[in-house]
Amino acid sequence: MSNINYLAFAIPAFFIFVYLEYVLAVRKNKAHIFKYESSVSNVSIGIAERLLNLFIAASFFDLFNYIYGHYAVFNIPNVWWVWVLLILVTDLVWYWYHRLGHEVNFLWAAHIVHHQSEEFNLTVSARITAFQALIRGFFWCLLPFLGFHPTMVMVILTVHGAYSFFTHTQLIGKLGWLENILITPSLHGIHHASNEKYLDKNYGDVFVFWDKLFGTFQKEEEAPIYGLTHPIKSYSFLWQHFHYYLELLEACRRESGFKNKMKVVFGSPAVLDQDIRPILEKRYLPHQTKEYAKFKLKNYINLQLVMSVLVLTVTTACYNHFQIEDKIFALLFILITLINCGALLEQRKWIYYLECVRLIFVVGFVLLKIDYFGLIFIPTIILIILERVFSLSRLYRNYVLQYEEV
């Protein structure tokens, strides 16, 4: 039990709070703040980030220790007032990391995913990509460099992240005088809004000091419209992660000379050509289903999300006990499943083949663990025979790839 990673309990805690928020929203006649497809998308992205973060978190702690041991500028003691100082410095580092994430294209490519959701509830707090977590980790290196002990840094980062979880909700209104000190759900909702007067405001995560000091503070004055100024037209797990990188590549392709291409990469998202995304959407996205359609088999997606959450929770709790092949299996199984969920929402026809790959992958892993991996060709042959005899792909498309009008 001493080697159990107790951070695994944060995963079910997240879903408990989301459920409580949903119940409260229903009681307040605000169930509209949840949209099924968007919530699935938010949770899927969060699952992927938590999973991939397992592989990089320990490396960053080692990096923090190395920086602290070799390059710390100050010898900061572990006394009570240092914890106060550390949370303030942490939030200041966050402010500039966050602000640069909105002002520099290659950083915005990682952060834009957090702003794609057109709803604002606790599920949005999970909408963080592994790319963003990686970039953020390098910004946190400043803390041990200043002389804060890595263990203190990790504790404060946990508290800092936990606080921001609760600022992603519409069920808590304005909080009066507290909004002169803390970033509240109302103030953070402004940051997620696409209203012109709200753009690029309220970058702080815990405190409002930095926004007031650097001129980016904004109170809620009119109802926020959540999401991007130019919304993406897809719930695809892959498209949501990579569309802006493709936009940057296309923008660079249009420029001549290395210097001009670097101006795109390090330039502002505000000046990127707005005709690029529609062109890429037409190239890569399928014909969209009419808005009045409703997905029939929600429980099929729900089951896949539950499987992903269970595998993620067990992997997080027992990470130190797992062998490398177990970790790789968990990583690939969850990623394939999450791509599955997005493809189901998009009604992609190739989803059947991805399902087959996942099934063979799971069977192959079981055979590997019982030392019979050489028999992997048997389930593959069986699947091919079943396809030839019963036309499984046609049955799958008939019963899974379908919508109903509402």
Protein backbone atom coordinates (compact mmCIF):
# COMPACT_ATOMS: atom_id res chain seq x y z
CA MET A 1 0.00 0.00 0.00
CA SER A 2 2.96 2.33 0.54
CA ASN A 3 3.61 2.43 -3.21
CA ILE A 4 0.01 3.32 -4.11
CA ASN A 5 -0.32 6.69 -5.86
CA TYR A 6 -3.14 8.30 -3.89
CA LEU A 7 -3.59 10.97 -6.56
CA ALA A 8 -5.66 8.28 -8.29
CA PHE A 9 -8.51 9.17 -5.92
CA ALA A 10 -8.70 12.58 -7.58
CA ILE A 11 -10.14 10.88 -10.67
CA PRO A 12 -13.36 9.53 -9.10
CA ALA A 13 -13.56 12.75 -7.02
CA PHE A 14 -13.67 14.72 -10.27
CA PHE A 15 -16.66 12.74 -11.54
CA ILE A 16 -18.43 13.01 -8.20
CA PHE A 17 -18.20 16.81 -8.31
CA VAL A 18 -19.32 16.86 -11.96
CA TYR A 19 -22.32 14.70 -11.05
CA LEU A 20 -23.20 16.98 -8.13
CA GLU A 21 -22.94 20.02 -10.40
CA TYR A 22 -25.25 18.37 -12.92
CA VAL A 23 -27.82 17.48 -10.24
CA LEU A 24 -27.72 21.03 -8.92
CA ALA A 25 -28.03 22.43 -12.46
CA VAL A 26 -31.15 20.31 -13.05
CA ARG A 27 -32.69 21.52 -9.79
CA LYS A 28 -32.01 25.12 -10.79
CA ASN A 29 -33.43 24.55 -14.28
CA LYS A 30 -29.98 25.11 -15.78
CA ALA A 31 -29.37 21.67 -17.26
CA HIS A 32 -28.68 23.44 -20.57
CA ILE A 33 -25.17 24.29 -19.33
CA PHE A 34 -24.36 20.63 -20.08
CA LYS A 35 -24.30 19.33 -23.64
CA TYR A 36 -23.62 15.63 -24.04
CA GLU A 37 -21.25 15.75 -27.00
CA SER A 38 -19.25 18.62 -25.55
CA SER A 39 -19.02 17.01 -22.11
CA VAL A 40 -17.77 13.75 -23.67
CA SER A 41 -15.18 15.74 -25.57
CA ASN A 42 -14.07 17.62 -22.44
CA VAL A 43 -13.73 14.46 -20.37
CA SER A 44 -11.91 12.61 -23.16
CA ILE A 45 -9.27 15.29 -23.45
CA GLY A 46 -8.87 15.35 -19.66
CA ILE A 47 -8.42 11.57 -19.50
CA ALA A 48 -5.68 11.73 -22.13
CA GLU A 49 -3.86 14.51 -20.29
CA ARG A 50 -4.00 12.71 -16.94
CA LEU A 51 -2.71 9.53 -18.57
CA LEU A 52 0.17 11.15 -20.43
CA ASN A 53 1.01 13.26 -17.39
CA LEU A 54 1.79 10.03 -15.53
CA PHE A 55 4.75 9.54 -17.86
CA ILE A 56 6.11 13.09 -17.54
CA ALA A 57 5.27 14.16 -13.96
CA ALA A 58 8.08 12.12 -12.38
CA SER A 59 10.53 13.47 -14.96
CA PHE A 60 9.60 17.03 -14.10
CA PHE A 61 10.04 16.34 -10.38
CA ASP A 62 13.52 15.02 -11.17
CA LEU A 63 14.15 18.12 -13.28
CA PHE A 64 12.97 20.35 -10.41
CA ASN A 65 15.37 18.55 -8.07
CA TYR A 66 18.25 18.96 -10.51
CA ILE A 67 17.61 22.68 -11.00
CA TYR A 68 17.19 23.20 -7.24
CA GLY A 69 20.36 21.29 -6.44
CA HIS A 70 22.56 22.96 -9.08
CA TYR A 71 21.15 26.36 -9.98
CA ALA A 72 18.94 27.68 -7.13
CA VAL A 73 19.47 31.42 -6.82
CA PHE A 74 18.32 31.70 -3.19
CA ASN A 75 18.33 29.36 -0.20
CA ILE A 76 14.68 29.70 0.76
CA PRO A 77 13.79 28.06 4.11
CA ASN A 78 10.73 25.90 4.79
CA VAL A 79 8.82 28.22 7.14
CA TRP A 80 5.14 29.19 7.14
CA TRP A 81 5.48 32.54 5.39
CA VAL A 82 7.39 30.92 2.51
CA TRP A 83 4.26 28.93 1.65
CA VAL A 84 2.35 32.20 1.30
CA LEU A 85 5.14 33.61 -0.84
CA LEU A 86 5.23 30.45 -2.96
CA ILE A 87 1.50 30.49 -3.80
CA LEU A 88 1.83 34.15 -4.84
CA VAL A 89 4.90 33.48 -7.01
CA THR A 90 3.26 30.38 -8.48
CA ASP A 91 0.22 32.38 -9.52
CA LEU A 92 2.45 35.10 -11.01
CA VAL A 93 4.31 32.49 -13.09
CA TRP A 94 0.93 31.08 -14.11
CA TYR A 95 -0.26 34.53 -15.17
CA TRP A 96 2.62 34.99 -17.63
CA TYR A 97 2.52 31.39 -18.82
CA HIS A 98 -1.22 31.79 -19.39
CA ARG A 99 -0.95 35.20 -21.04
CA LEU A 100 1.82 34.08 -23.39
CA GLY A 101 -0.33 31.06 -24.19
CA HIS A 102 -2.84 33.50 -25.68
CA GLU A 103 -0.34 35.81 -27.37
CA VAL A 104 2.13 33.43 -29.05
CA ASN A 105 0.91 31.12 -31.79
CA PHE A 106 2.86 27.96 -30.99
CA LEU A 107 1.81 28.26 -27.31
CA TRP A 108 -1.79 29.01 -28.28
CA ALA A 109 -1.79 25.82 -30.36
CA ALA A 110 -1.52 23.87 -27.10
CA HIS A 111 -3.84 26.10 -25.05
CA ILE A 112 -6.61 26.65 -27.60
CA VAL A 113 -8.09 23.25 -26.79
CA HIS A 114 -9.05 24.51 -23.32
CA HIS A 115 -11.13 27.26 -24.92
CA GLN A 116 -12.89 25.24 -27.62
CA SER A 117 -15.84 24.24 -25.43
CA GLU A 118 -18.96 26.31 -25.93
CA GLU A 119 -20.25 25.27 -22.54
CA PHE A 120 -18.82 26.27 -19.17
CA ASN A 121 -19.01 23.72 -16.37
CA LEU A 122 -16.67 21.58 -14.30
CA THR A 123 -15.94 19.24 -17.22
CA VAL A 124 -14.19 22.15 -18.97
CA SER A 125 -11.54 22.18 -16.22
CA ALA A 126 -10.38 18.78 -17.52
CA ARG A 127 -9.93 20.11 -21.04
CA ILE A 128 -6.13 20.35 -20.82
CA THR A 129 -3.85 18.71 -23.37
CA ALA A 130 -0.62 16.89 -22.61
CA PHE A 131 1.12 19.51 -24.79
CA GLN A 132 -0.12 22.26 -22.51
CA ALA A 133 0.90 20.31 -19.40
CA LEU A 134 4.37 19.84 -20.87
CA ILE A 135 4.80 23.54 -21.68
CA ARG A 136 3.46 24.51 -18.27
CA GLY A 137 5.98 22.20 -16.60
CA PHE A 138 8.87 24.14 -18.12
CA PHE A 139 7.44 27.39 -16.75
CA TRP A 140 7.23 25.80 -13.30
CA CYS A 141 11.00 25.20 -13.47
CA LEU A 142 11.37 28.85 -12.50
CA LEU A 143 10.18 28.01 -8.96
CA PRO A 144 13.04 25.63 -7.96
CA PHE A 145 15.41 27.96 -9.84
CA LEU A 146 14.41 30.75 -7.45
CA GLY A 147 15.11 28.42 -4.51
CA PHE A 148 11.77 26.88 -3.56
CA HIS A 149 12.18 23.23 -2.58
CA PRO A 150 10.75 20.84 -5.22
CA THR A 151 8.52 19.08 -2.68
CA MET A 152 6.99 22.41 -1.68
CA VAL A 153 6.53 23.24 -5.35
CA MET A 154 4.68 19.99 -6.05
CA VAL A 155 2.37 20.52 -3.05
CA ILE A 156 1.53 24.08 -4.09
CA LEU A 157 0.96 23.05 -7.71
CA THR A 158 -1.56 20.46 -6.49
CA VAL A 159 -3.40 23.08 -4.41
CA HIS A 160 -3.18 25.61 -7.24
CA GLY A 161 -4.67 23.14 -9.72
CA ALA A 162 -7.41 22.05 -7.32
CA TYR A 163 -8.57 25.65 -6.83
CA SER A 164 -8.87 26.29 -10.56
CA PHE A 165 -11.10 23.23 -10.93
CA PHE A 166 -13.87 24.96 -8.96
CA THR A 167 -13.72 28.17 -11.00
CA HIS A 168 -15.20 26.38 -14.04
CA THR A 169 -18.89 26.60 -13.21
CA GLN A 170 -21.89 28.83 -13.90
CA LEU A 171 -23.75 27.78 -10.76
CA ILE A 172 -21.80 30.19 -8.55
CA GLY A 173 -22.59 33.83 -9.23
CA LYS A 174 -20.67 36.94 -8.31
CA LEU A 175 -19.03 36.83 -4.88
CA GLY A 176 -18.87 40.50 -3.97
CA TRP A 177 -15.72 41.73 -2.26
CA LEU A 178 -13.95 38.39 -2.81
CA GLU A 179 -13.64 39.32 -6.47
CA ASN A 180 -11.16 42.00 -5.43
CA ILE A 181 -8.83 39.24 -4.22
CA LEU A 182 -9.62 35.90 -5.86
CA ILE A 183 -10.40 34.65 -9.35
CA THR A 184 -14.00 33.50 -8.94
CA PRO A 185 -16.13 31.42 -11.33
CA SER A 186 -17.67 34.66 -12.63
CA LEU A 187 -14.25 36.18 -13.35
CA HIS A 188 -12.87 33.02 -14.92
CA GLY A 189 -16.01 32.65 -17.01
CA ILE A 190 -15.07 36.01 -18.54
CA HIS A 191 -11.75 34.50 -19.59
CA HIS A 192 -13.59 31.72 -21.44
CA ALA A 193 -15.94 34.13 -23.21
CA SER A 194 -15.70 35.19 -26.85
CA ASN A 195 -17.44 38.55 -26.34
CA GLU A 196 -15.14 41.22 -27.77
CA LYS A 197 -14.87 43.15 -24.49
CA TYR A 198 -13.93 39.95 -22.64
CA LEU A 199 -11.17 38.74 -24.96
CA ASP A 200 -7.74 38.21 -23.37
CA LYS A 201 -8.86 39.10 -19.85
CA ASN A 202 -8.44 37.57 -16.39
CA TYR A 203 -5.36 35.40 -16.87
CA GLY A 204 -4.85 34.80 -13.15
CA ASP A 205 -5.65 31.39 -11.72
CA VAL A 206 -6.11 32.16 -8.02
CA PHE A 207 -5.55 35.90 -7.46
CA VAL A 208 -6.74 38.99 -9.36
CA PHE A 209 -3.67 41.06 -8.39
CA TRP A 210 -1.74 40.32 -11.54
CA ASP A 211 -4.58 41.16 -13.94
CA LYS A 212 -5.14 44.48 -12.19
CA LEU A 213 -1.40 45.20 -12.14
CA PHE A 214 -0.88 44.39 -15.83
CA GLY A 215 -4.14 45.82 -17.16
CA THR A 216 -6.02 42.63 -18.08
CA PHE A 217 -8.73 42.63 -15.41
CA GLN A 218 -12.41 42.60 -16.41
CA LYS A 219 -15.58 42.16 -14.35
CA GLU A 220 -18.66 40.42 -15.70
CA GLU A 221 -20.97 43.04 -17.20
CA GLU A 222 -22.90 41.22 -19.90
CA ALA A 223 -23.72 37.54 -20.32
CA PRO A 224 -20.64 35.65 -21.57
CA ILE A 225 -20.74 33.73 -24.84
CA TYR A 226 -18.40 30.82 -24.25
CA GLY A 227 -15.99 29.32 -26.76
CA LEU A 228 -13.75 30.57 -29.54
CA THR A 229 -14.43 33.62 -31.70
CA HIS A 230 -14.19 31.19 -34.64
CA PRO A 231 -15.58 27.89 -33.28
CA ILE A 232 -14.25 24.59 -34.55
CA LYS A 233 -16.77 22.32 -36.24
CA SER A 234 -15.83 18.95 -34.85
CA TYR A 235 -15.89 16.77 -31.75
CA SER A 236 -13.04 14.67 -33.12
CA PHE A 237 -10.45 13.91 -30.43
CA LEU A 238 -7.65 14.20 -32.99
CA TRP A 239 -8.94 17.31 -34.76
CA GLN A 240 -9.42 19.21 -31.51
CA HIS A 241 -5.83 18.46 -30.51
CA PHE A 242 -4.10 19.16 -33.81
CA HIS A 243 -6.18 21.55 -35.93
CA TYR A 244 -4.27 24.67 -34.87
CA TYR A 245 -0.91 23.02 -35.57
CA LEU A 246 -2.19 22.29 -39.07
CA GLU A 247 -3.30 25.92 -39.37
CA LEU A 248 0.20 27.09 -38.41
CA LEU A 249 1.76 24.73 -40.96
CA GLU A 250 -0.56 26.06 -43.64
CA ALA A 251 0.19 29.66 -42.64
CA CYS A 252 3.94 28.94 -42.77
CA ARG A 253 3.55 27.29 -46.18
CA ARG A 254 2.04 30.51 -47.49
CA GLU A 255 5.04 32.55 -46.33
CA SER A 256 8.40 32.73 -48.08
CA GLY A 257 11.64 32.87 -46.15
CA PHE A 258 12.58 31.51 -42.74
CA LYS A 259 12.11 34.86 -40.99
CA ASN A 260 8.53 35.24 -42.18
CA LYS A 261 7.72 31.67 -41.18
CA MET A 262 9.08 32.34 -37.68
CA LYS A 263 6.88 35.41 -37.49
CA VAL A 264 3.94 33.06 -37.93
CA VAL A 265 5.14 30.60 -35.28
CA PHE A 266 5.96 33.29 -32.71
CA GLY A 267 3.36 35.81 -33.84
CA SER A 268 -0.04 36.61 -32.42
CA PRO A 269 -3.09 34.37 -33.05
CA ALA A 270 -5.05 37.56 -33.75
CA VAL A 271 -3.25 38.13 -37.06
CA LEU A 272 -3.38 34.55 -38.38
CA ASP A 273 -5.34 34.31 -41.63
CA GLN A 274 -8.93 33.47 -40.74
CA ASP A 275 -9.60 31.72 -44.05
CA ILE A 276 -7.22 28.88 -43.19
CA ARG A 277 -9.46 26.96 -40.78
CA PRO A 278 -12.49 26.72 -43.12
CA ILE A 279 -10.21 25.43 -45.88
CA LEU A 280 -8.74 22.75 -43.60
CA GLU A 281 -12.17 21.81 -42.25
CA LYS A 282 -13.41 21.27 -45.78
CA ARG A 283 -10.33 19.17 -46.51
CA TYR A 284 -10.24 16.99 -43.40
CA LEU A 285 -13.69 16.93 -41.77
CA PRO A 286 -16.62 14.81 -42.98
CA HIS A 287 -19.98 16.17 -44.01
CA GLN A 288 -21.63 17.21 -40.76
CA THR A 289 -24.86 15.65 -39.53
CA LYS A 290 -27.79 18.03 -39.26
CA GLU A 291 -28.10 19.78 -35.92
CA TYR A 292 -31.48 18.21 -35.18
CA ALA A 293 -29.95 14.72 -35.08
CA LYS A 294 -29.41 12.93 -31.79
CA PHE A 295 -26.96 10.12 -31.18
CA LYS A 296 -28.81 6.88 -30.45
CA LEU A 297 -26.31 4.79 -28.55
CA LYS A 298 -25.07 7.13 -25.83
CA ASN A 299 -24.57 4.18 -23.51
CA TYR A 300 -22.07 2.76 -25.99
CA ILE A 301 -19.93 5.88 -25.65
CA ASN A 302 -20.56 5.99 -21.90
CA LEU A 303 -19.26 2.44 -21.58
CA GLN A 304 -16.08 3.36 -23.42
CA LEU A 305 -15.53 6.38 -21.17
CA VAL A 306 -16.09 4.25 -18.08
CA MET A 307 -13.53 1.71 -19.35
CA SER A 308 -11.03 4.52 -19.96
CA VAL A 309 -11.58 5.99 -16.50
CA LEU A 310 -11.19 2.59 -14.82
CA VAL A 311 -7.98 1.82 -16.68
CA LEU A 312 -6.67 5.33 -15.94
CA THR A 313 -7.51 5.07 -12.23
CA VAL A 314 -5.88 1.64 -11.84
CA THR A 315 -2.84 2.72 -13.86
CA THR A 316 -2.45 5.88 -11.75
CA ALA A 317 -2.83 4.01 -8.46
CA CYS A 318 -0.50 1.15 -9.38
CA TYR A 319 1.87 2.97 -11.72
CA ASN A 320 4.96 2.06 -9.68
CA HIS A 321 3.97 -1.62 -9.68
CA PHE A 322 3.34 -1.89 -13.42
CA GLN A 323 5.84 -3.23 -15.90
CA ILE A 324 6.65 -1.23 -19.02
CA GLU A 325 4.35 -3.34 -21.24
CA ASP A 326 1.46 -2.72 -18.82
CA LYS A 327 2.00 1.04 -19.02
CA ILE A 328 2.24 0.98 -22.80
CA PHE A 329 -0.94 -1.11 -23.01
CA ALA A 330 -2.83 1.33 -20.77
CA LEU A 331 -1.55 4.27 -22.80
CA LEU A 332 -2.49 2.84 -26.20
CA PHE A 333 -5.78 1.30 -25.07
CA ILE A 334 -7.03 4.58 -23.60
CA LEU A 335 -5.87 6.68 -26.55
CA ILE A 336 -7.53 4.32 -29.05
CA THR A 337 -10.72 4.36 -26.97
CA LEU A 338 -10.79 8.16 -26.79
CA ILE A 339 -10.25 8.42 -30.54
CA ASN A 340 -13.12 5.95 -30.79
CA CYS A 341 -15.42 8.21 -28.78
CA GLY A 342 -14.67 11.22 -30.96
CA ALA A 343 -15.10 9.18 -34.13
CA LEU A 344 -18.47 7.89 -32.90
CA LEU A 345 -19.67 11.44 -32.29
CA GLU A 346 -18.44 12.33 -35.77
CA GLN A 347 -20.00 9.17 -37.27
CA ARG A 348 -16.74 8.28 -39.04
CA LYS A 349 -17.09 5.11 -41.13
CA TRP A 350 -13.57 3.91 -40.31
CA ILE A 351 -14.51 3.49 -36.66
CA TYR A 352 -15.27 -0.21 -37.25
CA TYR A 353 -11.67 -0.90 -38.27
CA LEU A 354 -10.36 0.96 -35.23
CA GLU A 355 -12.63 -1.19 -33.07
CA CYS A 356 -11.10 -4.30 -34.65
CA VAL A 357 -7.60 -3.01 -33.99
CA ARG A 358 -8.51 -2.36 -30.35
CA LEU A 359 -10.02 -5.82 -29.92
CA ILE A 360 -6.95 -7.54 -31.39
CA PHE A 361 -4.74 -5.28 -29.27
CA VAL A 362 -6.54 -6.30 -26.05
CA VAL A 363 -6.44 -9.99 -26.93
CA GLY A 364 -2.77 -9.66 -27.85
CA PHE A 365 -1.98 -8.10 -24.48
CA VAL A 366 -3.76 -10.94 -22.63
CA LEU A 367 -1.84 -13.51 -24.67
CA LEU A 368 1.39 -11.67 -23.92
CA LYS A 369 0.74 -11.79 -20.17
CA ILE A 370 0.09 -15.55 -20.27
CA ASP A 371 3.09 -16.21 -22.54
CA TYR A 372 1.06 -17.18 -25.62
CA PHE A 373 1.60 -14.10 -27.76
CA GLY A 374 2.60 -16.31 -30.67
CA LEU A 375 -1.07 -17.26 -31.01
CA ILE A 376 -2.13 -13.70 -31.85
CA PHE A 377 -2.83 -14.80 -35.43
CA ILE A 378 -5.76 -16.97 -34.22
CA PRO A 379 -8.13 -14.18 -33.05
CA THR A 380 -7.11 -12.18 -36.12
CA ILE A 381 -8.11 -15.05 -38.43
CA ILE A 382 -11.34 -15.60 -36.48
CA LEU A 383 -12.23 -11.93 -36.89
CA ILE A 384 -11.56 -12.09 -40.64
CA ILE A 385 -13.74 -15.22 -40.97
CA LEU A 386 -16.58 -13.62 -38.99
CA GLU A 387 -16.37 -10.57 -41.22
CA ARG A 388 -16.60 -12.73 -44.35
CA VAL A 389 -19.48 -14.86 -43.05
CA PHE A 390 -21.60 -12.33 -41.14
CA SER A 391 -20.41 -9.02 -42.64
CA LEU A 392 -19.66 -7.55 -39.20
CA SER A 393 -18.74 -4.18 -40.64
CA ARG A 394 -22.21 -3.79 -42.18
CA LEU A 395 -23.91 -4.84 -38.93
CA TYR A 396 -21.72 -2.46 -36.97
CA ARG A 397 -22.57 0.47 -39.21
CA ASN A 398 -26.28 -0.36 -39.09
CA TYR A 399 -26.48 -0.54 -35.30
CA VAL A 400 -23.81 1.96 -34.24
CA LEU A 401 -23.30 4.52 -36.99
CA GLN A 402 -26.79 5.92 -36.96
CA TYR A 403 -28.67 8.98 -35.70
CA GLU A 404 -32.28 9.60 -35.00
CA GLU A 405 -34.21 12.79 -35.53
CA VAL A 406 -35.65 14.59 -32.51
